[in-house]
Amino acid sequence: MGRTEVTGTPENRDGFLKAQRLRLGLTQKQVADKAGILLQHYQKFEGGERNLRTASFDVACRVLEALEVDIVKYFHTDERLP
């Protein structure tokens, strides 16, 4: 399966995490396990309590890889989500 491209401003991207997780048919626990982080940490990213863009690059990359998201496009797009 190819990487998903993402567009959107930083404030919209946390909603993208949930949409992408659901598109893949994964639970929050499955994403957290694949990323090697605690479930509670992933829940904070998805819920908007923590911003994935300001997390350590290592953690952000692992979460995005678990969600099959193109890392470069996630961090370098200025377009709005539809």
C-alpha atoms as a PDB file:
ATOM      1  CA  MET A   1       0.000   0.000   0.000  1.00  0.00           C
ATOM      2  CA  GLY A   2       1.381   3.462  -0.876  1.00  0.00           C
ATOM      3  CA  ARG A   3       1.854   6.350   1.457  1.00  0.00           C
ATOM      4  CA  THR A   4      -1.045   8.733   1.905  1.00  0.00           C
ATOM      5  CA  GLU A   5      -0.464  12.328   0.980  1.00  0.00           C
ATOM      6  CA  VAL A   6      -1.808  14.967   3.338  1.00  0.00           C
ATOM      7  CA  THR A   7      -2.689  18.574   2.845  1.00  0.00           C
ATOM      8  CA  GLY A   8      -3.769  21.060   5.409  1.00  0.00           C
ATOM      9  CA  THR A   9      -2.581  23.700   7.758  1.00  0.00           C
ATOM     10  CA  PRO A  10      -1.005  22.574  11.036  1.00  0.00           C
ATOM     11  CA  GLU A  11      -4.115  23.305  13.068  1.00  0.00           C
ATOM     12  CA  ASN A  12      -6.148  20.926  10.857  1.00  0.00           C
ATOM     13  CA  ARG A  13      -3.735  18.036  10.790  1.00  0.00           C
ATOM     14  CA  ASP A  14      -4.636  16.440  14.116  1.00  0.00           C
ATOM     15  CA  GLY A  15      -8.112  15.655  12.737  1.00  0.00           C
ATOM     16  CA  PHE A  16      -6.313  14.001   9.863  1.00  0.00           C
ATOM     17  CA  LEU A  17      -4.755  11.443  12.221  1.00  0.00           C
ATOM     18  CA  LYS A  18      -8.131  10.043  13.202  1.00  0.00           C
ATOM     19  CA  ALA A  19      -9.440  10.037   9.641  1.00  0.00           C
ATOM     20  CA  GLN A  20      -6.334   8.230   8.429  1.00  0.00           C
ATOM     21  CA  ARG A  21      -6.488   5.696  11.266  1.00  0.00           C
ATOM     22  CA  LEU A  22     -10.121   4.935  10.494  1.00  0.00           C
ATOM     23  CA  ARG A  23      -9.361   4.690   6.767  1.00  0.00           C
ATOM     24  CA  LEU A  24      -6.803   2.004   7.585  1.00  0.00           C
ATOM     25  CA  GLY A  25      -9.229   0.219   9.912  1.00  0.00           C
ATOM     26  CA  LEU A  26      -6.894   0.517  12.891  1.00  0.00           C
ATOM     27  CA  THR A  27      -7.610   1.138  16.542  1.00  0.00           C
ATOM     28  CA  GLN A  28      -5.748   3.785  18.501  1.00  0.00           C
ATOM     29  CA  LYS A  29      -3.934   0.980  20.342  1.00  0.00           C
ATOM     30  CA  GLN A  30      -2.804  -0.607  17.087  1.00  0.00           C
ATOM     31  CA  VAL A  31      -1.373   2.699  15.864  1.00  0.00           C
ATOM     32  CA  ALA A  32       0.360   3.306  19.202  1.00  0.00           C
ATOM     33  CA  ASP A  33       1.822  -0.213  19.167  1.00  0.00           C
ATOM     34  CA  LYS A  34       3.040   0.141  15.578  1.00  0.00           C
ATOM     35  CA  ALA A  35       4.612   3.497  16.458  1.00  0.00           C
ATOM     36  CA  GLY A  36       6.136   2.173  19.677  1.00  0.00           C
ATOM     37  CA  ILE A  37       4.488   4.781  21.899  1.00  0.00           C
ATOM     38  CA  LEU A  38       2.032   4.627  24.770  1.00  0.00           C
ATOM     39  CA  LEU A  39      -1.655   4.551  23.879  1.00  0.00           C
ATOM     40  CA  GLN A  40      -2.221   7.660  26.005  1.00  0.00           C
ATOM     41  CA  HIS A  41       0.397   9.580  24.011  1.00  0.00           C
ATOM     42  CA  TYR A  42      -1.246   8.674  20.714  1.00  0.00           C
ATOM     43  CA  GLN A  43      -4.656   9.631  22.109  1.00  0.00           C
ATOM     44  CA  LYS A  44      -3.271  13.080  22.972  1.00  0.00           C
ATOM     45  CA  PHE A  45      -2.025  13.543  19.409  1.00  0.00           C
ATOM     46  CA  GLU A  46      -5.289  12.429  17.863  1.00  0.00           C
ATOM     47  CA  GLY A  47      -7.372  14.452  20.294  1.00  0.00           C
ATOM     48  CA  GLY A  48      -5.362  17.621  19.689  1.00  0.00           C
ATOM     49  CA  GLU A  49      -4.035  17.869  23.240  1.00  0.00           C
ATOM     50  CA  ARG A  50      -0.508  17.432  21.841  1.00  0.00           C
ATOM     51  CA  ASN A  51       0.664  18.625  18.445  1.00  0.00           C
ATOM     52  CA  LEU A  52       2.437  15.963  16.409  1.00  0.00           C
ATOM     53  CA  ARG A  53       4.401  18.680  14.621  1.00  0.00           C
ATOM     54  CA  THR A  54       6.042  19.756  17.888  1.00  0.00           C
ATOM     55  CA  ALA A  55       6.755  16.234  19.148  1.00  0.00           C
ATOM     56  CA  SER A  56      10.237  14.829  18.717  1.00  0.00           C
ATOM     57  CA  PHE A  57      10.957  14.121  15.073  1.00  0.00           C
ATOM     58  CA  ASP A  58      11.507  10.451  15.899  1.00  0.00           C
ATOM     59  CA  VAL A  59       8.081  10.077  17.519  1.00  0.00           C
ATOM     60  CA  ALA A  60       6.349  12.053  14.780  1.00  0.00           C
ATOM     61  CA  CYS A  61       7.944   9.888  12.084  1.00  0.00           C
ATOM     62  CA  ARG A  62       6.980   6.663  13.835  1.00  0.00           C
ATOM     63  CA  VAL A  63       3.344   7.784  14.187  1.00  0.00           C
ATOM     64  CA  LEU A  64       3.155   8.909  10.567  1.00  0.00           C
ATOM     65  CA  GLU A  65       4.754   5.681   9.357  1.00  0.00           C
ATOM     66  CA  ALA A  66       2.272   3.663  11.430  1.00  0.00           C
ATOM     67  CA  LEU A  67      -0.487   5.582   9.654  1.00  0.00           C
ATOM     68  CA  GLU A  68       1.166   5.133   6.229  1.00  0.00           C
ATOM     69  CA  VAL A  69       1.460   8.892   5.755  1.00  0.00           C
ATOM     70  CA  ASP A  70       4.087  10.599   3.600  1.00  0.00           C
ATOM     71  CA  ILE A  71       6.261  12.304   6.229  1.00  0.00           C
ATOM     72  CA  VAL A  72       7.687  14.976   3.940  1.00  0.00           C
ATOM     73  CA  LYS A  73       4.288  16.049   2.685  1.00  0.00           C
ATOM     74  CA  TYR A  74       2.880  16.110   6.230  1.00  0.00           C
ATOM     75  CA  PHE A  75       5.519  18.572   7.358  1.00  0.00           C
ATOM     76  CA  HIS A  76       5.828  20.623   4.160  1.00  0.00           C
ATOM     77  CA  THR A  77       2.373  21.413   2.862  1.00  0.00           C
ATOM     78  CA  ASP A  78       0.578  24.731   3.123  1.00  0.00           C
ATOM     79  CA  GLU A  79      -2.655  23.798   1.365  1.00  0.00           C
ATOM     80  CA  ARG A  80      -5.954  23.503   3.222  1.00  0.00           C
ATOM     81  CA  LEU A  81      -7.706  20.202   3.811  1.00  0.00           C
ATOM     82  CA  PRO A  82     -10.856  19.773   1.703  1.00  0.00           C
END
